[in-house]
């Protein structure tokens, strides 16, 4: 059983309310993408749902329990979180980093058992890092390093995985590598994945469910075809865009061509030109 949703959630920083009366539900066994402009509150929502932040009011409910009232170790067996730009101590190898993911399943000073080692090896294989397992994290490329962090989250063996912009600062090749790993994990392991995504086309291509956030509020949610519309993109991102259908996957693709601020400026210029023409 897995049922994850928010109940009248309010989140504040220094008494400034960022998110208020938020009620969203995460589909089980699917990839959900949170999208929105910078400062919209999507990362704050992700951190609160993954228990990194405590809400001012309301609750995050997982399988009928309020997660902020459940022990940290128990929650760590249910969900894993990969924040933005994680850092590791110098000299730590890939395998040592991944082994940290097994911590919630160990007690006291117990040395990792066969189950732990099997999960570590599986995480290495899933992320194509077997040949790098003894390499220090700082000696990896950006894409390899991100895959190592994902492997650590996989080794935690949770039914839910949260990721905050997992492809940030990666080139196009490594972005696709990371997104394909997550897609494979979802399809083969039925993991529920919730991620903040900067690239709208990545969100549409890889997620089955999208939630568009503006000023801490949900402006649209549903399948990509229902969220990736000209009207919603203009409302949430303040852009004008053409929506095309990907001939390979059948999902909508966004081609932005102008900001709405740019449209307003052009309207003002046209009006001035019209006034000048009348004066002449």
Protein backbone atom coordinates (compact mmCIF):
# COMPACT_ATOMS: atom_id res chain seq x y z
CA UNK A 1 0.00 0.00 0.00
CA UNK A 2 1.17 3.52 -0.79
CA UNK A 3 -0.92 6.66 -0.65
CA UNK A 4 0.89 9.99 -0.62
CA UNK A 5 -0.85 13.35 -0.48
CA UNK A 6 -0.86 16.74 1.24
CA UNK A 7 -3.67 18.00 3.45
CA UNK A 8 -4.15 21.80 3.64
CA UNK A 9 -0.36 22.22 3.66
CA UNK A 10 1.13 25.59 4.63
CA UNK A 11 4.87 26.27 4.41
CA UNK A 12 6.56 29.44 5.64
CA UNK A 13 10.07 30.88 5.90
CA UNK A 14 10.57 33.38 8.75
CA UNK A 15 6.78 33.83 9.05
CA UNK A 16 6.52 34.56 5.30
CA UNK A 17 4.03 32.13 3.80
CA UNK A 18 5.39 30.46 0.65
CA UNK A 19 2.74 27.77 0.19
CA UNK A 20 -0.78 27.90 1.60
CA UNK A 21 -3.67 25.40 1.71
CA UNK A 22 -1.94 23.00 -0.69
CA UNK A 23 -3.79 19.78 -1.49
CA UNK A 24 -2.09 17.50 -4.01
CA UNK A 25 -2.02 13.74 -4.48
CA UNK A 26 0.87 11.75 -5.96
CA UNK A 27 -0.13 8.86 -8.25
CA UNK A 28 1.28 5.54 -7.09
CA UNK A 29 3.83 3.79 -9.30
CA UNK A 30 4.15 6.73 -11.70
CA UNK A 31 6.58 9.57 -12.39
CA UNK A 32 5.25 12.96 -11.29
CA UNK A 33 6.97 16.18 -12.38
CA UNK A 34 6.61 19.43 -10.45
CA UNK A 35 7.11 22.35 -12.83
CA UNK A 36 7.02 26.10 -12.41
CA UNK A 37 9.05 29.27 -12.75
CA UNK A 38 11.97 30.06 -10.45
CA UNK A 39 10.68 30.94 -6.99
CA UNK A 40 7.29 29.31 -7.59
CA UNK A 41 7.64 27.08 -4.51
CA UNK A 42 8.05 23.72 -6.25
CA UNK A 43 11.34 22.82 -4.51
CA UNK A 44 9.89 23.93 -1.16
CA UNK A 45 6.93 21.61 -1.72
CA UNK A 46 9.23 18.72 -2.64
CA UNK A 47 11.38 19.24 0.47
CA UNK A 48 8.33 19.34 2.72
CA UNK A 49 6.77 16.25 1.18
CA UNK A 50 10.07 14.41 1.63
CA UNK A 51 10.28 15.57 5.28
CA UNK A 52 13.31 17.86 4.89
CA UNK A 53 11.13 20.82 5.89
CA UNK A 54 8.40 20.99 8.50
CA UNK A 55 5.11 22.63 7.49
CA UNK A 56 3.62 25.53 9.43
CA UNK A 57 0.19 23.96 9.14
CA UNK A 58 -1.39 20.92 7.56
CA UNK A 59 0.12 17.53 6.93
CA UNK A 60 1.85 15.24 4.47
CA UNK A 61 0.12 11.86 4.60
CA UNK A 62 1.80 8.59 3.63
CA UNK A 63 -0.22 5.39 3.93
CA UNK A 64 -2.57 7.04 6.39
CA UNK A 65 0.21 8.40 8.65
CA UNK A 66 1.42 11.98 9.09
CA UNK A 67 5.05 11.68 8.03
CA UNK A 68 6.31 14.46 10.33
CA UNK A 69 5.06 12.40 13.28
CA UNK A 70 6.84 9.20 12.19
CA UNK A 71 10.44 8.42 13.18
CA UNK A 72 13.18 9.49 10.77
CA UNK A 73 14.50 5.95 10.42
CA UNK A 74 11.08 4.55 9.57
CA UNK A 75 10.43 7.26 6.98
CA UNK A 76 13.87 6.59 5.46
CA UNK A 77 12.69 3.04 4.73
CA UNK A 78 9.70 4.43 2.85
CA UNK A 79 11.13 7.32 0.83
CA UNK A 80 14.48 8.61 -0.39
CA UNK A 81 15.42 12.17 -1.34
CA UNK A 82 18.12 13.48 -3.68
CA UNK A 83 18.46 17.25 -3.10
CA UNK A 84 20.03 19.77 -5.46
CA UNK A 85 23.84 19.80 -5.62
CA UNK A 86 24.63 17.20 -2.93
CA UNK A 87 28.22 17.02 -1.65
CA UNK A 88 30.30 14.15 -0.28
CA UNK A 89 33.41 14.07 1.96
CA UNK A 90 36.73 14.03 0.08
CA UNK A 91 38.17 10.62 -0.75
CA UNK A 92 34.83 8.80 -0.55
CA UNK A 93 34.52 6.15 -3.26
CA UNK A 94 31.42 5.43 -5.32
CA UNK A 95 30.76 2.17 -3.46
CA UNK A 96 31.22 3.84 -0.07
CA UNK A 97 28.75 6.57 -1.02
CA UNK A 98 26.17 4.05 -2.21
CA UNK A 99 26.61 2.06 1.03
CA UNK A 100 25.28 5.05 2.98
CA UNK A 101 21.92 4.32 1.38
CA UNK A 102 21.70 1.14 3.43
CA UNK A 103 21.90 3.00 6.78
CA UNK A 104 18.13 2.95 7.50
CA UNK A 105 18.17 -0.86 7.26
CA UNK A 106 21.04 -1.34 9.72
CA UNK A 107 21.10 -1.19 13.49
CA UNK A 108 23.89 0.01 15.78
CA UNK A 109 27.35 -0.88 14.48
CA UNK A 110 26.14 -3.81 12.42
CA UNK A 111 28.32 -4.43 9.38
CA UNK A 112 26.50 -4.63 6.06
CA UNK A 113 25.16 -8.11 5.34
CA UNK A 114 24.60 -9.97 2.08
CA UNK A 115 21.30 -8.17 1.47
CA UNK A 116 23.06 -4.81 1.80
CA UNK A 117 25.81 -5.88 -0.59
CA UNK A 118 23.28 -7.24 -3.09
CA UNK A 119 21.41 -3.90 -3.06
CA UNK A 120 24.65 -1.95 -3.53
CA UNK A 121 25.64 -4.14 -6.49
CA UNK A 122 22.14 -3.77 -7.97
CA UNK A 123 22.31 0.04 -7.63
CA UNK A 124 25.74 0.04 -9.33
CA UNK A 125 24.33 -2.00 -12.20
CA UNK A 126 21.19 0.10 -12.58
CA UNK A 127 23.25 3.29 -12.90
CA UNK A 128 26.02 1.77 -15.06
CA UNK A 129 28.71 2.54 -12.47
CA UNK A 130 30.21 -0.90 -11.90
CA UNK A 131 33.55 0.02 -13.47
CA UNK A 132 33.77 3.15 -11.30
CA UNK A 133 32.88 1.57 -7.94
CA UNK A 134 36.33 2.11 -6.42
CA UNK A 135 36.86 5.59 -7.86
CA UNK A 136 36.69 8.65 -5.54
CA UNK A 137 33.58 10.75 -6.08
CA UNK A 138 35.61 13.89 -6.80
CA UNK A 139 37.30 12.14 -9.74
CA UNK A 140 34.03 11.53 -11.57
CA UNK A 141 32.48 13.65 -14.28
CA UNK A 142 29.34 15.61 -13.46
CA UNK A 143 27.07 13.01 -15.03
CA UNK A 144 28.84 10.10 -13.31
CA UNK A 145 28.67 11.90 -9.98
CA UNK A 146 24.93 12.47 -10.34
CA UNK A 147 24.42 8.80 -11.18
CA UNK A 148 26.37 7.85 -8.03
CA UNK A 149 24.01 9.93 -5.89
CA UNK A 150 21.02 8.33 -7.60
CA UNK A 151 22.58 4.92 -6.92
CA UNK A 152 22.81 5.78 -3.22
CA UNK A 153 19.10 6.65 -3.22
CA UNK A 154 18.30 3.40 -5.04
CA UNK A 155 20.28 1.36 -2.50
CA UNK A 156 18.00 2.80 0.18
CA UNK A 157 15.36 0.53 -1.38
CA UNK A 158 12.31 2.74 -0.90
CA UNK A 159 9.03 2.69 -2.79
CA UNK A 160 9.17 6.48 -3.29
CA UNK A 161 12.02 8.56 -4.69
CA UNK A 162 12.14 12.38 -4.55
CA UNK A 163 14.58 14.30 -6.77
CA UNK A 164 15.13 18.05 -6.90
CA UNK A 165 16.23 19.01 -10.43
CA UNK A 166 18.31 15.84 -11.02
CA UNK A 167 19.74 17.08 -14.35
CA UNK A 168 20.94 20.53 -13.21
CA UNK A 169 24.35 21.51 -14.70
CA UNK A 170 24.51 18.36 -16.84
CA UNK A 171 25.07 18.42 -20.60
CA UNK A 172 22.44 17.02 -22.95
CA UNK A 173 23.90 13.50 -23.07
CA UNK A 174 24.10 13.14 -19.30
CA UNK A 175 20.64 14.64 -18.86
CA UNK A 176 19.21 11.89 -21.06
CA UNK A 177 21.26 9.25 -19.21
CA UNK A 178 19.80 10.31 -15.85
CA UNK A 179 16.23 10.62 -17.11
CA UNK A 180 16.39 7.21 -18.82
CA UNK A 181 17.66 5.60 -15.58
CA UNK A 182 14.68 7.05 -13.71
CA UNK A 183 12.27 5.90 -16.42
CA UNK A 184 13.72 2.40 -16.34
CA UNK A 185 13.50 2.32 -12.54
CA UNK A 186 9.85 3.33 -12.69
CA UNK A 187 8.95 0.80 -15.38
CA UNK A 188 10.90 -2.20 -14.05
CA UNK A 189 10.58 -1.64 -10.29
CA UNK A 190 7.24 0.24 -10.17
CA UNK A 191 8.85 2.96 -8.06
CA UNK A 192 6.91 6.16 -7.45
CA UNK A 193 9.12 9.07 -8.53
CA UNK A 194 8.46 12.72 -7.73
CA UNK A 195 10.85 15.24 -9.25
CA UNK A 196 11.24 18.94 -9.73
CA UNK A 197 12.06 19.41 -13.42
CA UNK A 198 13.43 22.56 -15.02
CA UNK A 199 13.07 21.37 -18.63
CA UNK A 200 9.40 21.25 -19.62
CA UNK A 201 10.05 18.86 -22.47
CA UNK A 202 11.80 16.43 -20.13
CA UNK A 203 8.82 16.65 -17.82
CA UNK A 204 6.39 15.94 -20.65
CA UNK A 205 8.44 13.11 -22.11
CA UNK A 206 9.31 11.21 -18.93
CA UNK A 207 6.47 11.98 -16.50
CA UNK A 208 2.97 10.53 -16.64
CA UNK A 209 1.65 13.19 -14.28
CA UNK A 210 2.54 16.90 -14.14
CA UNK A 211 1.76 19.51 -11.50
CA UNK A 212 2.25 23.16 -12.50
CA UNK A 213 2.99 25.47 -9.56
CA UNK A 214 2.75 29.26 -9.44
CA UNK A 215 3.20 31.32 -6.25
CA UNK A 216 2.93 28.18 -4.14
CA UNK A 217 -0.42 27.17 -5.65
CA UNK A 218 -1.39 24.46 -8.11
CA UNK A 219 -2.46 26.05 -11.40
CA UNK A 220 -2.87 22.79 -13.30
CA UNK A 221 -2.33 19.05 -12.83
CA UNK A 222 -2.85 15.93 -14.89
CA UNK A 223 -1.37 14.20 -17.90
CA UNK A 224 1.22 16.17 -19.93
CA UNK A 225 -1.35 16.82 -22.69
CA UNK A 226 -3.60 18.52 -20.14
CA UNK A 227 -0.87 20.66 -18.56
CA UNK A 228 1.30 21.55 -21.56
CA UNK A 229 -1.11 23.98 -23.18
CA UNK A 230 -0.51 27.50 -24.47
CA UNK A 231 -2.88 28.98 -21.88
CA UNK A 232 -1.31 27.22 -18.89
CA UNK A 233 2.26 27.99 -19.99
CA UNK A 234 1.37 31.65 -20.38
CA UNK A 235 -0.18 31.69 -16.91
CA UNK A 236 2.55 29.74 -15.09
CA UNK A 237 5.70 30.77 -16.99
CA UNK A 238 4.66 34.07 -18.59
CA UNK A 239 5.67 32.83 -22.05
CA UNK A 240 4.17 32.47 -25.49
CA UNK A 241 4.81 29.01 -26.92
CA UNK A 242 3.88 26.70 -29.74
CA UNK A 243 2.86 23.18 -28.68
CA UNK A 244 3.88 20.37 -31.03
CA UNK A 245 3.32 16.64 -30.74
CA UNK A 246 6.44 14.47 -30.61
CA UNK A 247 6.06 11.99 -33.50
CA UNK A 248 8.02 9.34 -31.55
CA UNK A 249 6.22 9.41 -28.22
CA UNK A 250 3.00 11.31 -28.93
CA UNK A 251 3.59 13.68 -26.00
CA UNK A 252 3.38 17.49 -26.31
CA UNK A 253 6.56 19.52 -26.76
CA UNK A 254 6.96 23.18 -25.86
CA UNK A 255 8.61 25.64 -28.26
CA UNK A 256 8.70 29.03 -26.51
CA UNK A 257 9.17 32.01 -28.79
CA UNK A 258 8.45 35.08 -26.66
CA UNK A 259 7.85 36.25 -23.12
CA UNK A 260 4.55 37.92 -22.35
CA UNK A 261 6.52 40.95 -21.16
CA UNK A 262 7.96 41.15 -24.65
CA UNK A 263 4.42 41.06 -26.06
CA UNK A 264 3.41 43.97 -23.83
CA UNK A 265 6.41 46.02 -24.96
CA UNK A 266 5.54 45.38 -28.60
CA UNK A 267 1.95 46.43 -27.96
CA UNK A 268 3.18 49.71 -26.44
CA UNK A 269 5.48 50.33 -29.43
CA UNK A 270 2.63 49.67 -31.88
CA UNK A 271 0.38 52.06 -29.95
CA UNK A 272 3.07 54.78 -30.01
CA UNK A 273 3.62 54.26 -33.73
CA UNK A 274 -0.14 54.53 -34.28
CA UNK A 275 -0.34 57.79 -32.29
CA UNK A 276 2.66 59.19 -34.20
CA UNK A 277 1.06 58.28 -37.53
CA UNK A 278 -2.16 60.06 -36.56
CA UNK A 279 -0.21 63.15 -35.49
CA UNK A 280 1.59 63.30 -38.83
